Amino acid sequence: MHPGTTVRQDCIEKNGLSVTDAARVLGVDRQTLSNLLNARSGISPEMAVRLEKAFGTPAREWLMRQLDYELAEVMRRAKKIKVEPFQPTTTECRGNDERR
């Protein structure tokens, strides 16, 4: 679930706020908040701090939700990401041994 959905449910609806009122509380414009709520943008570190200050949920928790969401989105298409596995040569494997 996009973290904007959680913001809508746990911060805005739970407190009986309109999007305009919540934007005012957060100190952002209405469009910025609307983009987050409608999954057109994610939670930035600054927005995470604003949410923490306004509603009490720690900024780190908001950022972890955003990271979890983004990783899940990428993992859905991971099979389409083509990468050649790295095969180290014998000299590359020795690493620190060459310094002796």
Protein backbone atom coordinates (compact mmCIF):
# COMPACT_ATOMS: atom_id res chain seq x y z
CA MET A 1 0.00 0.00 0.00
CA HIS A 2 1.32 3.46 -0.88
CA PRO A 3 2.18 5.38 2.31
CA GLY A 4 -0.07 8.23 1.17
CA THR A 5 -3.01 5.96 1.92
CA THR A 6 -1.82 5.64 5.50
CA VAL A 7 -1.40 9.41 5.78
CA ARG A 8 -4.97 9.85 4.53
CA GLN A 9 -6.43 7.29 6.94
CA ASP A 10 -4.32 7.77 10.07
CA CYS A 11 -3.64 11.49 9.96
CA ILE A 12 -6.33 13.23 7.94
CA GLU A 13 -9.51 11.17 8.23
CA LYS A 14 -8.81 10.06 11.81
CA ASN A 15 -8.56 13.70 12.86
CA GLY A 16 -11.50 14.92 10.78
CA LEU A 17 -9.33 17.18 8.63
CA SER A 18 -9.88 18.24 5.06
CA VAL A 19 -6.93 18.04 2.68
CA THR A 20 -6.73 21.84 2.76
CA ASP A 21 -6.68 21.90 6.57
CA ALA A 22 -4.09 19.11 6.76
CA ALA A 23 -1.88 20.93 4.24
CA ARG A 24 -2.07 24.04 6.40
CA VAL A 25 -1.14 22.03 9.52
CA LEU A 26 1.82 20.50 7.68
CA GLY A 27 2.94 23.81 6.22
CA VAL A 28 2.75 22.62 2.60
CA ASP A 29 0.53 23.61 -0.26
CA ARG A 30 -2.60 21.62 -0.97
CA GLN A 31 -1.25 20.23 -4.25
CA THR A 32 1.84 18.80 -2.54
CA LEU A 33 -0.29 16.93 -0.03
CA SER A 34 -2.77 15.85 -2.69
CA ASN A 35 0.08 14.36 -4.76
CA LEU A 36 1.17 12.30 -1.76
CA LEU A 37 -2.37 11.17 -0.89
CA ASN A 38 -3.04 10.12 -4.49
CA ALA A 39 0.26 8.19 -4.87
CA ARG A 40 1.72 10.67 -7.34
CA SER A 41 4.62 11.38 -5.00
CA GLY A 42 6.26 9.72 -2.05
CA ILE A 43 7.19 10.77 1.45
CA SER A 44 10.39 12.80 1.39
CA PRO A 45 12.57 13.14 4.49
CA GLU A 46 11.20 16.66 4.98
CA MET A 47 7.60 15.50 4.70
CA ALA A 48 8.39 12.70 7.18
CA VAL A 49 9.59 15.30 9.69
CA ARG A 50 6.48 17.42 9.07
CA LEU A 51 4.25 14.38 9.67
CA GLU A 52 6.12 13.55 12.87
CA LYS A 53 5.81 17.10 14.19
CA ALA A 54 2.13 17.35 13.30
CA PHE A 55 0.81 13.88 14.10
CA GLY A 56 3.43 12.17 16.27
CA THR A 57 4.42 9.16 14.16
CA PRO A 58 8.25 9.11 13.99
CA ALA A 59 9.82 10.38 10.76
CA ARG A 60 11.89 7.20 10.51
CA GLU A 61 8.70 5.12 10.45
CA TRP A 62 7.28 7.18 7.58
CA LEU A 63 10.53 6.82 5.65
CA MET A 64 10.64 3.07 6.24
CA ARG A 65 7.09 2.77 4.92
CA GLN A 66 8.13 4.69 1.81
CA LEU A 67 11.22 2.53 1.35
CA ASP A 68 9.22 -0.69 1.82
CA TYR A 69 6.70 0.49 -0.77
CA GLU A 70 9.36 1.44 -3.32
CA LEU A 71 11.25 -1.82 -2.85
CA ALA A 72 8.03 -3.84 -3.26
CA GLU A 73 7.30 -1.97 -6.50
CA VAL A 74 10.75 -2.77 -7.89
CA MET A 75 10.58 -6.40 -6.77
CA ARG A 76 7.36 -6.83 -8.75
CA ARG A 77 9.39 -6.24 -11.90
CA ALA A 78 12.72 -7.68 -10.72
CA LYS A 79 12.69 -10.46 -13.34
CA LYS A 80 12.74 -7.81 -16.06
CA ILE A 81 15.90 -6.21 -14.64
CA LYS A 82 18.78 -7.78 -16.54
CA VAL A 83 22.16 -7.80 -14.79
CA GLU A 84 25.22 -9.94 -15.45
CA PRO A 85 26.40 -11.58 -12.21
CA PHE A 86 29.87 -10.40 -11.23
CA GLN A 87 32.54 -13.08 -11.58
CA PRO A 88 35.75 -12.02 -9.85
CA THR A 89 39.05 -13.14 -11.32
CA THR A 90 41.64 -14.85 -9.15
CA THR A 91 43.57 -11.62 -8.51
CA GLU A 92 40.40 -9.69 -7.65
CA CYS A 93 39.47 -12.30 -5.03
CA ARG A 94 42.71 -11.89 -3.12
CA GLY A 95 41.92 -8.27 -2.24
CA ASN A 96 43.83 -7.45 0.95
CA ASP A 97 46.41 -10.23 0.40
CA GLU A 98 48.13 -8.10 -2.27
CA ARG A 99 48.93 -5.39 0.29
CA ARG A 100 51.27 -7.66 2.28
